[in-house]
Amino acid sequence: MEDTDKAMILPKVASPHLNIINPAPGMMVYDTTAKQLAVSMAKCGASGSRSN
């Protein structure tokens, strides 16, 4: 994102790896349990988490 006056708001989900059964590849949510970004990385539904 290049604009300084815009933001991306992600859905908040507790433990998305348990609560999202079939995530779309590339889907991003904020994991409220782990307090970090969770990104779906594989076509088969596997997901990963990333924190700053």
C-alpha atoms as a PDB file:
ATOM      1  CA  MET A   1       0.000   0.000   0.000  1.00  0.00           C
ATOM      2  CA  GLU A   2       1.466   3.274  -1.053  1.00  0.00           C
ATOM      3  CA  ASP A   3      -1.181   5.738   0.135  1.00  0.00           C
ATOM      4  CA  THR A   4      -0.672   7.214   3.592  1.00  0.00           C
ATOM      5  CA  ASP A   5      -4.386   7.852   4.135  1.00  0.00           C
ATOM      6  CA  LYS A   6      -5.706   4.297   3.578  1.00  0.00           C
ATOM      7  CA  ALA A   7      -5.778   1.165   5.730  1.00  0.00           C
ATOM      8  CA  MET A   8      -6.550  -2.511   5.327  1.00  0.00           C
ATOM      9  CA  ILE A   9      -8.929  -3.900   7.950  1.00  0.00           C
ATOM     10  CA  LEU A  10      -8.728  -7.670   8.416  1.00  0.00           C
ATOM     11  CA  PRO A  11     -11.397  -9.939   9.881  1.00  0.00           C
ATOM     12  CA  LYS A  12     -10.653 -11.022  13.469  1.00  0.00           C
ATOM     13  CA  VAL A  13     -10.820 -14.763  14.140  1.00  0.00           C
ATOM     14  CA  ALA A  14      -9.882 -16.723  17.267  1.00  0.00           C
ATOM     15  CA  SER A  15      -7.596 -19.638  16.304  1.00  0.00           C
ATOM     16  CA  PRO A  16      -8.273 -19.476  12.547  1.00  0.00           C
ATOM     17  CA  HIS A  17      -6.369 -22.720  11.905  1.00  0.00           C
ATOM     18  CA  LEU A  18      -9.104 -24.462  13.938  1.00  0.00           C
ATOM     19  CA  ASN A  19     -12.142 -22.323  13.117  1.00  0.00           C
ATOM     20  CA  ILE A  20     -11.802 -21.761   9.354  1.00  0.00           C
ATOM     21  CA  ILE A  21     -12.419 -25.136   7.758  1.00  0.00           C
ATOM     22  CA  ASN A  22     -11.618 -24.392   4.106  1.00  0.00           C
ATOM     23  CA  PRO A  23      -9.573 -21.164   3.791  1.00  0.00           C
ATOM     24  CA  ALA A  24      -8.989 -19.661   0.366  1.00  0.00           C
ATOM     25  CA  PRO A  25      -5.321 -19.511  -0.717  1.00  0.00           C
ATOM     26  CA  GLY A  26      -3.873 -16.157   0.346  1.00  0.00           C
ATOM     27  CA  MET A  27      -6.657 -15.412   2.824  1.00  0.00           C
ATOM     28  CA  MET A  28      -5.521 -13.158   5.679  1.00  0.00           C
ATOM     29  CA  VAL A  29      -7.127 -12.759   9.107  1.00  0.00           C
ATOM     30  CA  TYR A  30      -5.998 -11.426  12.470  1.00  0.00           C
ATOM     31  CA  ASP A  31      -5.658 -14.300  14.962  1.00  0.00           C
ATOM     32  CA  THR A  32      -7.073 -12.885  18.212  1.00  0.00           C
ATOM     33  CA  THR A  33      -5.750 -15.829  20.247  1.00  0.00           C
ATOM     34  CA  ALA A  34      -2.120 -15.597  19.083  1.00  0.00           C
ATOM     35  CA  LYS A  35      -2.357 -11.816  18.468  1.00  0.00           C
ATOM     36  CA  GLN A  36      -0.757 -12.102  15.035  1.00  0.00           C
ATOM     37  CA  LEU A  37      -1.511 -12.193  11.331  1.00  0.00           C
ATOM     38  CA  ALA A  38      -2.586 -15.571   9.939  1.00  0.00           C
ATOM     39  CA  VAL A  39      -2.206 -16.225   6.198  1.00  0.00           C
ATOM     40  CA  SER A  40      -3.503 -19.247   4.277  1.00  0.00           C
ATOM     41  CA  MET A  41      -0.484 -20.404   2.273  1.00  0.00           C
ATOM     42  CA  ALA A  42      -1.404 -23.677   0.543  1.00  0.00           C
ATOM     43  CA  LYS A  43      -4.036 -24.840  -1.912  1.00  0.00           C
ATOM     44  CA  CYS A  44      -4.844 -27.790   0.344  1.00  0.00           C
ATOM     45  CA  GLY A  45      -6.021 -25.567   3.209  1.00  0.00           C
ATOM     46  CA  ALA A  46      -2.875 -25.405   5.334  1.00  0.00           C
ATOM     47  CA  SER A  47      -2.270 -22.058   7.011  1.00  0.00           C
ATOM     48  CA  GLY A  48       0.602 -20.235   8.599  1.00  0.00           C
ATOM     49  CA  SER A  49       0.946 -17.382  11.065  1.00  0.00           C
ATOM     50  CA  ARG A  50       3.184 -14.382  10.999  1.00  0.00           C
ATOM     51  CA  SER A  51       3.893 -11.768  13.633  1.00  0.00           C
ATOM     52  CA  ASN A  52       5.921  -8.553  13.620  1.00  0.00           C
END
